N, C-alpha and C. Protein backbone atom coordinates (compact mmCIF):
# COMPACT_ATOMS: atom_id res chain seq x y z
N SER A 1 -67.48 -26.93 93.17
CA SER A 1 -66.86 -25.84 92.33
C SER A 1 -66.40 -24.93 92.85
N ASP A 2 -66.24 -24.57 94.32
CA ASP A 2 -66.07 -23.33 93.81
C ASP A 2 -64.04 -23.43 94.34
N VAL A 3 -63.49 -23.96 94.92
CA VAL A 3 -62.37 -25.29 94.75
C VAL A 3 -61.44 -25.50 93.67
N ARG A 4 -62.26 -25.54 92.71
CA ARG A 4 -61.96 -26.11 91.40
C ARG A 4 -61.46 -24.43 90.32
N LEU A 5 -63.00 -24.06 90.77
CA LEU A 5 -62.61 -22.53 90.59
C LEU A 5 -61.65 -21.80 90.57
N LEU A 6 -61.32 -21.56 92.17
CA LEU A 6 -60.30 -21.02 92.78
C LEU A 6 -58.90 -21.93 92.24
N GLN A 7 -58.89 -22.84 91.96
CA GLN A 7 -57.77 -23.74 91.43
C GLN A 7 -57.01 -23.97 90.08
N THR A 8 -58.50 -23.63 89.27
CA THR A 8 -58.67 -22.81 88.11
C THR A 8 -57.74 -21.00 87.52
N LEU A 9 -58.12 -20.55 88.04
CA LEU A 9 -57.56 -18.79 89.02
C LEU A 9 -56.07 -19.66 89.15
N ALA A 10 -55.84 -19.86 90.20
CA ALA A 10 -54.65 -20.51 90.85
C ALA A 10 -53.51 -20.47 89.27
N GLY A 11 -54.14 -21.91 89.21
CA GLY A 11 -53.36 -22.19 87.67
C GLY A 11 -53.72 -21.28 86.46
N SER A 12 -54.12 -19.73 85.62
CA SER A 12 -53.70 -18.99 85.02
C SER A 12 -52.98 -18.21 86.16
N LEU A 13 -53.04 -17.84 86.94
CA LEU A 13 -52.11 -16.68 87.45
C LEU A 13 -50.50 -17.15 87.29
N ARG A 14 -50.63 -18.00 88.31
CA ARG A 14 -48.71 -19.36 87.77
C ARG A 14 -48.64 -18.93 86.54
N VAL A 15 -49.59 -19.61 85.35
CA VAL A 15 -49.22 -19.10 84.15
C VAL A 15 -48.67 -18.22 83.47
N ALA A 16 -49.45 -17.15 83.88
CA ALA A 16 -49.14 -15.25 84.35
C ALA A 16 -47.67 -14.68 84.85
N LEU A 17 -47.84 -15.47 85.81
CA LEU A 17 -46.08 -14.67 86.39
C LEU A 17 -45.41 -15.77 85.57
N GLU A 18 -45.44 -17.09 85.33
CA GLU A 18 -44.68 -17.12 84.57
C GLU A 18 -44.28 -16.37 84.04
N SER A 19 -44.73 -15.82 82.53
CA SER A 19 -44.73 -15.10 81.43
C SER A 19 -44.35 -13.67 81.55
N ALA A 20 -44.75 -13.69 82.19
CA ALA A 20 -44.42 -12.23 82.94
C ALA A 20 -42.46 -12.56 83.95
N ARG A 21 -42.37 -13.59 84.32
CA ARG A 21 -40.60 -13.81 84.42
C ARG A 21 -40.32 -13.92 83.70
N LEU A 22 -40.16 -15.01 82.39
CA LEU A 22 -39.21 -15.60 81.55
C LEU A 22 -39.30 -13.72 80.36
N PHE A 23 -40.57 -13.06 80.40
CA PHE A 23 -40.74 -11.53 79.59
C PHE A 23 -39.31 -10.65 80.26
N ALA A 24 -40.11 -10.42 81.46
CA ALA A 24 -38.79 -9.45 82.66
C ALA A 24 -37.33 -10.41 82.12
N GLU A 25 -37.34 -11.46 82.23
CA GLU A 25 -35.94 -12.06 81.98
C GLU A 25 -35.27 -11.61 79.93
N THR A 26 -35.96 -12.09 79.57
CA THR A 26 -35.71 -11.96 77.81
C THR A 26 -35.10 -9.73 78.37
N GLU A 27 -36.46 -9.34 77.98
CA GLU A 27 -35.90 -7.43 79.14
C GLU A 27 -34.34 -7.45 79.41
N GLN A 28 -34.38 -8.36 80.30
CA GLN A 28 -33.09 -8.11 80.68
C GLN A 28 -31.51 -8.79 79.79
N ARG A 29 -31.59 -8.75 79.66
CA ARG A 29 -30.96 -9.97 78.55
C ARG A 29 -31.06 -9.23 77.29
N ALA A 30 -31.95 -8.51 76.65
CA ALA A 30 -31.71 -7.59 75.38
C ALA A 30 -30.88 -6.56 75.98
N SER A 31 -31.47 -6.30 76.84
CA SER A 31 -30.74 -4.38 77.39
C SER A 31 -29.78 -5.35 77.25
N GLU A 32 -28.96 -5.72 78.60
CA GLU A 32 -27.67 -6.54 78.38
C GLU A 32 -26.52 -6.44 76.81
N LEU A 33 -26.98 -7.22 76.08
CA LEU A 33 -26.68 -7.94 75.12
C LEU A 33 -26.83 -6.31 74.40
N ALA A 34 -27.54 -5.26 74.32
CA ALA A 34 -27.01 -4.13 73.83
C ALA A 34 -26.35 -3.18 74.13
N THR A 35 -26.20 -3.18 75.81
CA THR A 35 -25.20 -2.64 76.24
C THR A 35 -24.01 -3.16 75.95
N VAL A 36 -23.59 -4.54 75.71
CA VAL A 36 -22.49 -4.78 75.03
C VAL A 36 -21.77 -4.34 74.34
N ASN A 37 -22.69 -3.90 72.70
CA ASN A 37 -22.89 -3.70 72.22
C ASN A 37 -22.60 -2.74 72.40
N THR A 38 -22.89 -1.57 72.88
CA THR A 38 -22.31 -0.55 72.72
C THR A 38 -20.82 0.16 72.89
N VAL A 39 -20.46 -1.12 74.37
CA VAL A 39 -19.39 -0.41 74.80
C VAL A 39 -18.09 -1.14 73.91
N SER A 40 -18.59 -3.15 73.79
CA SER A 40 -17.65 -3.45 72.09
C SER A 40 -17.64 -2.67 70.80
N SER A 41 -18.51 -1.60 70.10
CA SER A 41 -18.95 -0.49 69.36
C SER A 41 -16.99 0.13 69.66
N ALA A 42 -17.62 0.43 70.79
CA ALA A 42 -16.25 2.19 71.45
C ALA A 42 -15.00 1.26 71.72
N LEU A 43 -14.82 0.07 71.85
CA LEU A 43 -13.41 -0.19 72.89
C LEU A 43 -12.67 -0.76 70.71
N ALA A 44 -13.26 -0.58 70.18
CA ALA A 44 -13.21 -1.88 68.82
C ALA A 44 -13.31 0.05 67.92
N SER A 45 -12.72 0.71 68.59
CA SER A 45 -12.39 1.84 67.10
C SER A 45 -12.02 2.27 68.17
N GLU A 46 -11.13 1.98 69.26
CA GLU A 46 -10.43 2.70 69.86
C GLU A 46 -8.49 2.16 70.32
N LEU A 47 -7.46 1.92 69.60
CA LEU A 47 -5.90 2.12 70.49
C LEU A 47 -6.05 2.63 70.97
N ASP A 48 -5.77 3.37 71.58
CA ASP A 48 -4.83 4.14 72.29
C ASP A 48 -5.12 3.54 74.33
N ILE A 49 -3.76 2.79 74.64
CA ILE A 49 -4.64 2.81 75.98
C ILE A 49 -5.38 3.43 77.17
N ASP A 50 -4.59 4.90 76.95
CA ASP A 50 -4.74 5.57 77.81
C ASP A 50 -6.37 6.48 77.92
N PRO A 51 -6.99 6.70 76.52
CA PRO A 51 -8.41 6.53 75.97
C PRO A 51 -9.60 5.36 76.08
N LEU A 52 -9.12 4.65 75.87
CA LEU A 52 -9.60 3.27 75.32
C LEU A 52 -10.35 2.96 77.27
N ILE A 53 -8.96 3.06 78.03
CA ILE A 53 -8.87 3.26 80.06
C ILE A 53 -9.89 4.33 80.81
N GLN A 54 -9.84 5.46 80.43
CA GLN A 54 -11.66 6.10 80.69
C GLN A 54 -12.56 6.08 79.08
N LEU A 55 -12.81 5.79 78.64
CA LEU A 55 -13.84 5.03 77.92
C LEU A 55 -15.05 4.35 79.16
N VAL A 56 -14.02 3.41 78.74
CA VAL A 56 -14.42 2.05 79.96
C VAL A 56 -14.88 2.36 81.17
N GLY A 57 -13.83 3.12 81.35
CA GLY A 57 -14.81 3.65 82.87
C GLY A 57 -16.16 4.08 83.01
N GLU A 58 -16.00 5.25 81.88
CA GLU A 58 -17.21 6.32 81.55
C GLU A 58 -18.01 5.17 81.41
N GLN A 59 -17.97 4.16 80.52
CA GLN A 59 -19.73 4.09 79.91
C GLN A 59 -20.15 3.10 80.80
N THR A 60 -18.56 2.61 82.30
CA THR A 60 -19.57 1.69 83.12
C THR A 60 -20.08 2.71 84.63
N ARG A 61 -19.54 4.04 84.67
CA ARG A 61 -20.17 4.73 85.36
C ARG A 61 -21.82 4.82 84.61
N SER A 62 -22.19 4.72 83.23
CA SER A 62 -22.87 5.16 83.07
C SER A 62 -24.27 4.38 83.35
N ILE A 63 -23.61 3.29 82.92
CA ILE A 63 -24.65 2.13 83.33
C ILE A 63 -24.95 1.79 84.32
N PHE A 64 -23.90 1.87 84.97
CA PHE A 64 -24.19 1.28 86.70
C PHE A 64 -25.31 1.84 87.31
N ARG A 65 -24.49 3.37 87.21
CA ARG A 65 -25.28 4.72 88.11
C ARG A 65 -23.91 4.30 90.09
N ALA A 66 -23.62 3.87 90.21
CA ALA A 66 -22.84 3.73 90.24
C ALA A 66 -21.57 4.14 91.22
N ASP A 67 -21.37 4.62 92.77
CA ASP A 67 -20.81 5.09 94.10
C ASP A 67 -19.40 5.79 93.38
N VAL A 68 -18.96 4.48 92.39
CA VAL A 68 -17.95 4.01 92.68
C VAL A 68 -17.76 3.74 91.97
N VAL A 69 -16.15 4.03 90.95
CA VAL A 69 -15.76 2.99 89.74
C VAL A 69 -14.54 3.29 89.57
N TYR A 70 -13.71 2.13 89.43
CA TYR A 70 -13.11 2.16 89.18
C TYR A 70 -11.81 0.94 87.53
N VAL A 71 -10.95 1.38 87.35
CA VAL A 71 -10.22 0.81 86.53
C VAL A 71 -8.78 0.76 86.87
N ALA A 72 -8.70 -0.88 87.57
CA ALA A 72 -7.07 -0.94 88.27
C ALA A 72 -6.66 -1.78 86.67
N LEU A 73 -5.91 -1.21 86.82
CA LEU A 73 -4.01 -2.40 86.21
C LEU A 73 -2.48 -2.76 86.44
N LEU A 74 -2.31 -4.09 86.17
CA LEU A 74 -0.83 -4.49 87.22
C LEU A 74 -0.20 -4.35 86.66
N ASP A 75 0.91 -3.86 86.91
CA ASP A 75 2.17 -3.30 85.95
C ASP A 75 2.98 -5.53 87.23
N GLU A 76 2.94 -5.47 85.72
CA GLU A 76 3.88 -7.32 86.52
C GLU A 76 5.29 -6.47 86.30
N ALA A 77 5.71 -5.40 85.76
CA ALA A 77 7.10 -5.28 86.22
C ALA A 77 7.79 -5.45 88.14
N THR A 78 6.86 -4.88 88.25
CA THR A 78 6.75 -3.76 89.58
C THR A 78 5.96 -4.65 90.81
N SER A 79 5.12 -4.98 90.50
CA SER A 79 4.30 -5.95 90.62
C SER A 79 2.81 -4.63 91.94
N THR A 80 2.71 -3.27 90.88
CA THR A 80 2.31 -2.40 91.82
C THR A 80 0.79 -1.83 91.09
N ILE A 81 -0.32 -2.53 91.13
CA ILE A 81 -1.63 -2.23 90.79
C ILE A 81 -2.55 -0.71 90.69
N ASN A 82 -2.53 0.07 89.64
CA ASN A 82 -2.04 1.07 89.41
C ASN A 82 -4.04 1.77 88.80
N PHE A 83 -4.52 2.46 89.17
CA PHE A 83 -5.52 3.09 89.11
C PHE A 83 -5.76 4.56 87.62
N PRO A 84 -5.79 4.46 86.63
CA PRO A 84 -5.48 4.84 85.42
C PRO A 84 -7.62 5.79 85.33
N TYR A 85 -8.22 4.88 86.84
CA TYR A 85 -9.85 5.09 86.26
C TYR A 85 -10.60 5.40 87.56
N THR A 86 -11.18 6.39 87.77
CA THR A 86 -11.24 6.36 88.88
C THR A 86 -12.71 7.53 88.84
N TYR A 87 -13.34 6.62 89.69
CA TYR A 87 -15.13 8.34 89.87
C TYR A 87 -15.14 7.91 91.20
N GLY A 88 -15.41 8.65 92.12
CA GLY A 88 -16.22 8.34 93.09
C GLY A 88 -15.22 8.60 94.86
N GLU A 89 -13.74 8.27 94.07
CA GLU A 89 -13.19 7.25 95.04
C GLU A 89 -11.54 8.29 94.62
N GLU A 90 -10.78 8.51 95.42
CA GLU A 90 -9.75 8.30 94.45
C GLU A 90 -8.93 7.86 95.15
N LEU A 91 -7.85 6.95 93.92
CA LEU A 91 -6.92 5.46 94.77
C LEU A 91 -5.86 5.82 94.58
N THR A 92 -4.55 5.38 94.64
CA THR A 92 -3.24 6.12 94.95
C THR A 92 -2.63 4.45 94.67
N PRO A 93 -1.54 4.11 93.77
CA PRO A 93 -1.04 2.74 93.53
C PRO A 93 -0.81 2.32 94.69
N MET A 94 -0.67 1.12 94.32
CA MET A 94 -1.01 -0.46 95.60
C MET A 94 0.07 -1.77 96.07
N ARG A 95 0.25 -1.68 96.29
CA ARG A 95 1.72 -3.24 96.50
C ARG A 95 0.20 -4.15 96.18
N LEU A 96 0.71 -5.26 94.61
CA LEU A 96 0.31 -6.51 94.70
C LEU A 96 -0.49 -7.70 95.63
N GLY A 97 -1.07 -7.59 96.39
CA GLY A 97 -1.01 -8.03 97.63
C GLY A 97 -2.16 -7.49 98.43
N GLU A 98 -1.75 -6.73 98.19
CA GLU A 98 -3.66 -5.24 99.09
C GLU A 98 -5.01 -5.09 98.75
N GLY A 99 -5.63 -4.84 99.54
CA GLY A 99 -6.94 -4.98 99.41
C GLY A 99 -7.62 -5.94 98.20
N LEU A 100 -9.28 -5.48 97.84
CA LEU A 100 -9.76 -7.15 97.86
C LEU A 100 -9.49 -6.72 96.07
N THR A 101 -9.07 -5.55 95.81
CA THR A 101 -8.88 -5.36 93.87
C THR A 101 -7.51 -7.16 93.62
N SER A 102 -6.87 -6.54 94.31
CA SER A 102 -6.00 -7.69 94.46
C SER A 102 -6.13 -9.25 94.92
N ARG A 103 -7.19 -9.08 95.00
CA ARG A 103 -7.22 -11.05 95.93
C ARG A 103 -8.03 -10.75 94.15
N ILE A 104 -8.94 -9.96 93.69
CA ILE A 104 -9.53 -10.26 91.71
C ILE A 104 -8.64 -11.29 91.28
N ILE A 105 -7.15 -10.29 90.81
CA ILE A 105 -6.63 -10.66 90.01
C ILE A 105 -5.40 -11.70 91.18
N GLN A 106 -5.78 -11.96 91.58
CA GLN A 106 -4.86 -12.88 92.50
C GLN A 106 -5.09 -14.45 92.13
N THR A 107 -6.52 -14.06 92.36
CA THR A 107 -7.64 -15.55 91.42
C THR A 107 -7.94 -15.91 90.57
N GLY A 108 -8.54 -14.62 90.33
CA GLY A 108 -8.92 -14.62 88.40
C GLY A 108 -10.57 -14.36 88.53
N LYS A 109 -10.96 -14.27 90.31
CA LYS A 109 -12.54 -14.88 90.34
C LYS A 109 -13.23 -13.49 90.23
N PRO A 110 -15.06 -13.31 90.05
CA PRO A 110 -15.58 -12.09 90.52
C PRO A 110 -15.02 -11.89 91.08
N LEU A 111 -15.81 -10.75 92.31
CA LEU A 111 -15.97 -10.42 94.10
C LEU A 111 -17.24 -10.22 93.83
N LEU A 112 -18.08 -10.52 94.40
CA LEU A 112 -19.98 -9.76 94.26
C LEU A 112 -19.96 -9.64 95.93
N MET A 113 -20.55 -8.31 97.21
CA MET A 113 -20.59 -8.72 98.39
C MET A 113 -21.57 -7.50 98.65
N ASN A 114 -22.89 -8.39 99.27
CA ASN A 114 -23.07 -7.49 99.15
C ASN A 114 -23.79 -6.67 100.34
N GLU A 115 -23.32 -6.59 101.69
CA GLU A 115 -22.67 -6.91 102.99
C GLU A 115 -22.05 -7.39 103.88
N ASP A 116 -21.55 -6.89 104.64
CA ASP A 116 -21.58 -7.17 105.44
C ASP A 116 -19.58 -7.06 105.69
N ILE A 117 -19.22 -6.01 104.12
CA ILE A 117 -18.04 -6.67 102.81
C ILE A 117 -16.73 -6.02 104.08
N ASP A 118 -17.21 -5.65 104.74
CA ASP A 118 -15.59 -5.87 106.48
C ASP A 118 -14.92 -6.91 106.58
N LYS A 119 -16.32 -7.48 107.50
CA LYS A 119 -16.39 -8.93 107.99
C LYS A 119 -16.02 -9.98 106.60
N GLN A 120 -16.65 -10.01 105.74
CA GLN A 120 -15.71 -11.22 104.65
C GLN A 120 -14.34 -10.58 103.88
N SER A 121 -14.19 -9.45 104.15
CA SER A 121 -12.69 -9.12 104.10
C SER A 121 -11.89 -9.62 104.05
N GLN A 122 -12.52 -9.65 105.09
CA GLN A 122 -11.68 -9.95 106.78
C GLN A 122 -10.55 -12.06 107.12
N GLU A 123 -11.94 -11.93 106.84
CA GLU A 123 -12.45 -13.94 106.55
C GLU A 123 -11.84 -14.21 105.73
N MET A 124 -11.45 -13.47 104.19
CA MET A 124 -10.43 -13.43 103.18
C MET A 124 -9.34 -13.35 103.40
N GLY A 125 -9.22 -13.00 104.37
CA GLY A 125 -7.76 -12.19 104.61
C GLY A 125 -6.81 -11.34 103.48
N ALA A 126 -8.36 -10.49 103.06
CA ALA A 126 -7.83 -9.42 102.78
C ALA A 126 -8.19 -7.74 103.63
N SER A 127 -7.25 -6.72 103.17
CA SER A 127 -7.82 -5.85 104.08
C SER A 127 -8.58 -4.73 103.25
N ILE A 128 -8.78 -3.70 103.69
CA ILE A 128 -10.24 -2.21 103.16
C ILE A 128 -8.34 -1.56 102.74
N VAL A 129 -9.20 -0.82 101.29
CA VAL A 129 -8.23 0.56 100.80
C VAL A 129 -9.31 1.44 100.16
N GLY A 130 -9.36 1.80 101.36
CA GLY A 130 -10.01 3.37 100.65
C GLY A 130 -10.86 3.68 102.16
N VAL A 131 -12.38 3.85 101.22
CA VAL A 131 -13.46 4.11 101.87
C VAL A 131 -14.68 2.74 101.80
N LEU A 132 -14.84 2.27 103.37
CA LEU A 132 -15.71 0.85 103.17
C LEU A 132 -17.33 1.42 102.52
N SER A 133 -17.59 0.85 101.54
CA SER A 133 -19.05 0.45 100.21
C SER A 133 -19.57 -0.82 101.27
N GLN A 134 -20.79 -0.41 100.53
CA GLN A 134 -21.87 -1.25 101.25
C GLN A 134 -22.52 -2.27 100.39
N SER A 135 -22.08 -2.35 99.14
CA SER A 135 -21.84 -3.14 98.27
C SER A 135 -20.88 -2.97 97.27
N TYR A 136 -20.02 -4.09 97.11
CA TYR A 136 -18.43 -4.55 95.63
C TYR A 136 -19.18 -5.62 95.25
N LEU A 137 -18.42 -4.78 93.77
CA LEU A 137 -18.95 -5.80 92.25
C LEU A 137 -17.50 -5.74 91.67
N GLY A 138 -16.65 -6.82 91.66
CA GLY A 138 -15.42 -6.91 91.14
C GLY A 138 -15.33 -7.54 90.35
N VAL A 139 -14.89 -7.60 88.57
CA VAL A 139 -14.80 -8.38 87.53
C VAL A 139 -13.22 -8.70 87.87
N PRO A 140 -12.05 -9.33 86.90
CA PRO A 140 -10.85 -9.24 85.90
C PRO A 140 -11.22 -9.05 84.79
N ILE A 141 -9.89 -8.42 84.74
CA ILE A 141 -9.86 -8.17 83.64
C ILE A 141 -8.55 -9.14 82.61
N PHE A 142 -9.19 -10.24 81.79
CA PHE A 142 -7.85 -10.79 81.30
C PHE A 142 -8.04 -10.96 80.13
N VAL A 143 -5.94 -10.78 79.62
CA VAL A 143 -5.20 -10.21 78.13
C VAL A 143 -4.40 -11.50 78.65
N SER A 144 -4.69 -12.66 77.19
CA SER A 144 -3.87 -13.75 76.97
C SER A 144 -3.90 -14.26 78.55
N GLY A 145 -4.89 -14.85 78.87
CA GLY A 145 -4.89 -15.43 80.13
C GLY A 145 -4.42 -15.48 80.69
N ARG A 146 -3.82 -14.14 81.17
CA ARG A 146 -4.12 -13.74 82.41
C ARG A 146 -4.96 -12.92 83.16
N ALA A 147 -4.65 -12.50 84.21
CA ALA A 147 -5.44 -11.49 84.78
C ALA A 147 -4.91 -10.93 85.47
N VAL A 148 -4.80 -9.21 84.29
CA VAL A 148 -4.33 -7.87 84.23
C VAL A 148 -4.24 -6.64 84.99
N GLY A 149 -6.16 -6.68 85.45
CA GLY A 149 -6.58 -5.81 85.81
C GLY A 149 -8.42 -6.28 86.01
N VAL A 150 -8.83 -4.68 87.00
CA VAL A 150 -10.26 -4.89 87.16
C VAL A 150 -11.18 -3.72 87.17
N VAL A 151 -12.28 -4.54 86.88
CA VAL A 151 -13.07 -2.81 86.64
C VAL A 151 -13.70 -3.30 87.80
N SER A 152 -14.06 -2.28 88.77
CA SER A 152 -15.77 -2.59 89.74
C SER A 152 -16.43 -1.09 90.22
N VAL A 153 -17.10 -1.52 91.06
CA VAL A 153 -18.38 -0.60 90.65
C VAL A 153 -19.18 -1.11 92.56
N GLN A 154 -19.16 0.45 92.78
CA GLN A 154 -19.67 0.50 94.58
C GLN A 154 -20.60 0.83 95.08
N SER A 155 -21.22 0.70 95.87
CA SER A 155 -22.54 1.80 96.10
C SER A 155 -21.80 1.66 97.60
N MET A 156 -21.86 2.98 98.07
CA MET A 156 -21.67 4.43 99.41
C MET A 156 -22.59 4.44 100.55
N SER A 157 -23.91 3.11 99.84
CA SER A 157 -25.49 4.06 100.29
C SER A 157 -25.98 1.98 101.01
N GLN A 158 -25.91 1.38 99.43
CA GLN A 158 -27.33 0.70 99.66
C GLN A 158 -26.83 -0.27 99.95
N HIS A 159 -27.23 -1.77 100.13
CA HIS A 159 -26.65 -3.21 100.81
C HIS A 159 -27.82 -3.84 99.42
N GLY A 160 -26.25 -4.43 98.64
CA GLY A 160 -28.30 -5.84 97.98
C GLY A 160 -28.13 -5.02 96.33
N VAL A 161 -26.86 -4.33 96.11
CA VAL A 161 -27.55 -3.36 95.08
C VAL A 161 -27.39 -3.95 93.84
N PHE A 162 -26.06 -5.35 93.95
CA PHE A 162 -26.09 -5.66 93.00
C PHE A 162 -26.24 -7.38 92.41
N ASN A 163 -26.52 -7.91 91.65
CA ASN A 163 -26.67 -9.63 91.50
C ASN A 163 -26.20 -9.73 90.95
N GLU A 164 -25.90 -11.55 90.53
CA GLU A 164 -25.54 -11.87 89.13
C GLU A 164 -25.78 -11.81 88.10
N GLY A 165 -27.31 -10.62 87.23
CA GLY A 165 -27.06 -10.08 86.23
C GLY A 165 -26.25 -9.05 86.15
N HIS A 166 -25.77 -9.08 86.70
CA HIS A 166 -24.59 -7.06 86.78
C HIS A 166 -23.32 -8.05 87.39
N GLU A 167 -23.52 -8.56 87.36
CA GLU A 167 -22.07 -9.47 87.63
C GLU A 167 -21.83 -10.69 85.97
N ARG A 168 -22.60 -10.61 85.57
CA ARG A 168 -22.49 -11.52 84.07
C ARG A 168 -21.91 -10.28 83.00
N LEU A 169 -22.96 -9.21 83.08
CA LEU A 169 -22.39 -7.64 82.42
C LEU A 169 -21.39 -7.24 82.08
N LEU A 170 -20.92 -7.15 83.81
CA LEU A 170 -19.27 -6.47 84.33
C LEU A 170 -18.38 -7.04 83.53
N SER A 171 -18.32 -8.47 83.89
CA SER A 171 -17.74 -9.89 83.10
C SER A 171 -17.30 -9.68 82.21
N THR A 172 -18.18 -9.26 81.05
CA THR A 172 -18.73 -9.64 79.72
C THR A 172 -17.73 -7.66 79.23
N ILE A 173 -18.11 -6.70 79.90
CA ILE A 173 -17.62 -5.46 79.74
C ILE A 173 -15.36 -5.98 79.66
N ALA A 174 -15.55 -6.52 81.13
CA ALA A 174 -14.18 -6.89 81.44
C ALA A 174 -13.30 -7.52 79.83
N SER A 175 -14.19 -8.17 79.65
CA SER A 175 -13.74 -9.50 78.59
C SER A 175 -13.05 -9.13 76.85
N ASN A 176 -14.57 -7.35 77.06
CA ASN A 176 -14.38 -7.01 75.33
C ASN A 176 -12.95 -5.50 75.96
N VAL A 177 -12.80 -5.11 77.45
CA VAL A 177 -11.94 -4.52 77.50
C VAL A 177 -9.75 -5.90 77.75
N GLY A 178 -10.37 -6.56 78.02
CA GLY A 178 -8.96 -6.74 77.82
C GLY A 178 -8.91 -6.81 76.27
N THR A 179 -9.26 -8.29 75.48
CA THR A 179 -9.63 -7.50 74.28
C THR A 179 -9.18 -6.99 73.60
N ALA A 180 -9.20 -5.58 73.87
CA ALA A 180 -9.32 -4.40 73.53
C ALA A 180 -7.78 -3.96 74.09
N LEU A 181 -7.64 -4.37 74.92
CA LEU A 181 -5.57 -3.86 75.96
C LEU A 181 -5.46 -5.01 74.80
N HIS A 182 -5.61 -5.96 74.51
CA HIS A 182 -4.67 -7.18 73.44
C HIS A 182 -4.10 -6.46 72.45
N ASN A 183 -5.47 -5.74 71.55
CA ASN A 183 -5.06 -5.42 70.47
C ASN A 183 -4.09 -3.65 70.56
N ALA A 184 -4.55 -3.42 71.87
CA ALA A 184 -3.43 -1.41 72.00
C ALA A 184 -2.64 -1.94 71.84
N GLN A 185 -2.18 -3.08 72.97
CA GLN A 185 -1.21 -3.84 73.13
C GLN A 185 0.15 -4.20 71.19
N LEU A 186 -0.39 -4.15 70.97
CA LEU A 186 -0.29 -5.22 69.37
C LEU A 186 0.16 -4.18 68.61
N TYR A 187 -1.31 -3.24 68.46
CA TYR A 187 -0.69 -1.28 68.11
C TYR A 187 0.45 -1.05 68.19
N LYS A 188 0.40 -1.26 69.52
CA LYS A 188 2.18 -0.49 69.76
C LYS A 188 2.94 -1.09 69.89
N GLU A 189 3.29 -2.18 69.48
CA GLU A 189 4.56 -3.01 68.92
C GLU A 189 4.99 -2.90 68.23
N ALA A 190 3.56 -2.76 67.10
CA ALA A 190 3.62 -2.63 65.81
C ALA A 190 4.62 -1.39 65.10
N GLN A 191 3.83 -0.20 65.79
CA GLN A 191 4.46 1.50 66.46
C GLN A 191 6.04 1.18 66.00
N VAL A 192 6.16 0.32 67.48
CA VAL A 192 8.12 0.33 67.06
C VAL A 192 8.52 -0.58 66.54
N LEU A 193 7.75 -1.43 66.28
CA LEU A 193 9.24 -2.15 65.26
C LEU A 193 9.26 -1.20 63.52
N ARG A 194 7.53 -0.69 63.22
CA ARG A 194 7.64 0.45 62.14
C ARG A 194 8.15 1.27 62.37
N ALA A 195 9.34 2.03 63.44
CA ALA A 195 9.89 2.99 63.52
C ALA A 195 10.95 2.68 63.63
N SER A 196 11.74 1.05 64.27
CA SER A 196 12.54 0.93 64.43
C SER A 196 12.84 0.72 63.07
N ALA A 197 12.56 0.27 62.08
CA ALA A 197 13.01 -0.09 60.42
C ALA A 197 13.06 1.20 59.87
N GLU A 198 11.84 1.86 59.99
CA GLU A 198 12.39 3.15 59.95
C GLU A 198 13.45 4.43 59.12
N ALA A 199 13.96 4.22 61.00
CA ALA A 199 15.41 4.29 61.33
C ALA A 199 16.20 3.83 61.34
N ALA A 200 15.93 2.36 60.41
CA ALA A 200 17.09 1.98 60.33
C ALA A 200 16.99 1.62 57.94
N ASN A 201 16.68 2.45 57.68
CA ASN A 201 15.98 2.11 56.11
C ASN A 201 17.24 3.93 56.11
N THR A 202 16.83 5.04 56.96
CA THR A 202 17.38 6.13 57.10
C THR A 202 18.78 5.81 57.65
N ALA A 203 19.29 4.93 58.39
CA ALA A 203 20.95 5.31 58.40
C ALA A 203 20.80 3.65 56.95
N LYS A 204 20.62 3.35 56.66
CA LYS A 204 20.98 2.76 55.45
C LYS A 204 21.32 3.41 54.54
N SER A 205 20.15 4.85 53.59
CA SER A 205 20.34 5.79 52.59
C SER A 205 20.98 6.62 53.10
N GLU A 206 21.41 6.71 54.24
CA GLU A 206 22.51 8.32 54.97
C GLU A 206 23.39 7.38 54.77
N ILE A 207 24.05 5.81 55.59
CA ILE A 207 25.37 5.73 54.19
C ILE A 207 25.58 5.17 53.58
N GLY A 208 24.44 4.62 52.50
CA GLY A 208 24.52 4.93 51.03
C GLY A 208 24.78 6.69 50.51
N ARG A 209 24.68 7.33 51.11
CA ARG A 209 24.94 8.69 50.31
C ARG A 209 26.72 8.73 50.96
N ALA A 210 26.15 9.14 51.84
CA ALA A 210 28.19 8.44 52.24
C ALA A 210 28.82 8.33 51.71
N HIS A 211 28.87 7.36 51.14
CA HIS A 211 29.84 6.07 49.91
C HIS A 211 29.76 6.45 48.32
N VAL A 212 28.57 7.70 48.50
CA VAL A 212 28.88 8.36 47.31
C VAL A 212 29.35 8.68 46.54
């Protein structure tokens, strides 16, 4: 009877633990969804690239509370990676092929490392640029199917800070960034075309007045 009682208690405890786990996962997903909605709403109202990047950087820093945050964008014409947003560490432009950022852009895949970052980087053939962090998470930004940038968060003092949930959240943010960048580019192109059309109309009007 004691064994049966313990088995019943163990079964009840198992059900309670499973329910708690599912509840925690639901709460986490709800929190992630709220975060993504907040970022998406903010990005939807911004069509200038520079303020857009600053907005993404600040939102990411606030969400992850990371020691280092950066947004990197590839200049495909010069094969140069620029860092329009940095927090916690100043980063200068570098050539495509250098550092972990290049690795993410070239492979088009997220990179999550929670320990032995220097060793793992060497095994991948990627050099460390800047200060060595203890935990690193970087995800690609895609525009029209091409990886054109990276959003990264890092911890300088702790191992094991980031997990797959963080990777999923940051990837979703990066996806929204890609969409926003695409919209900003289309908006900029539309402005250029409109300015050209207005200039052409002005020139035609001046020619017409000259013939009167």
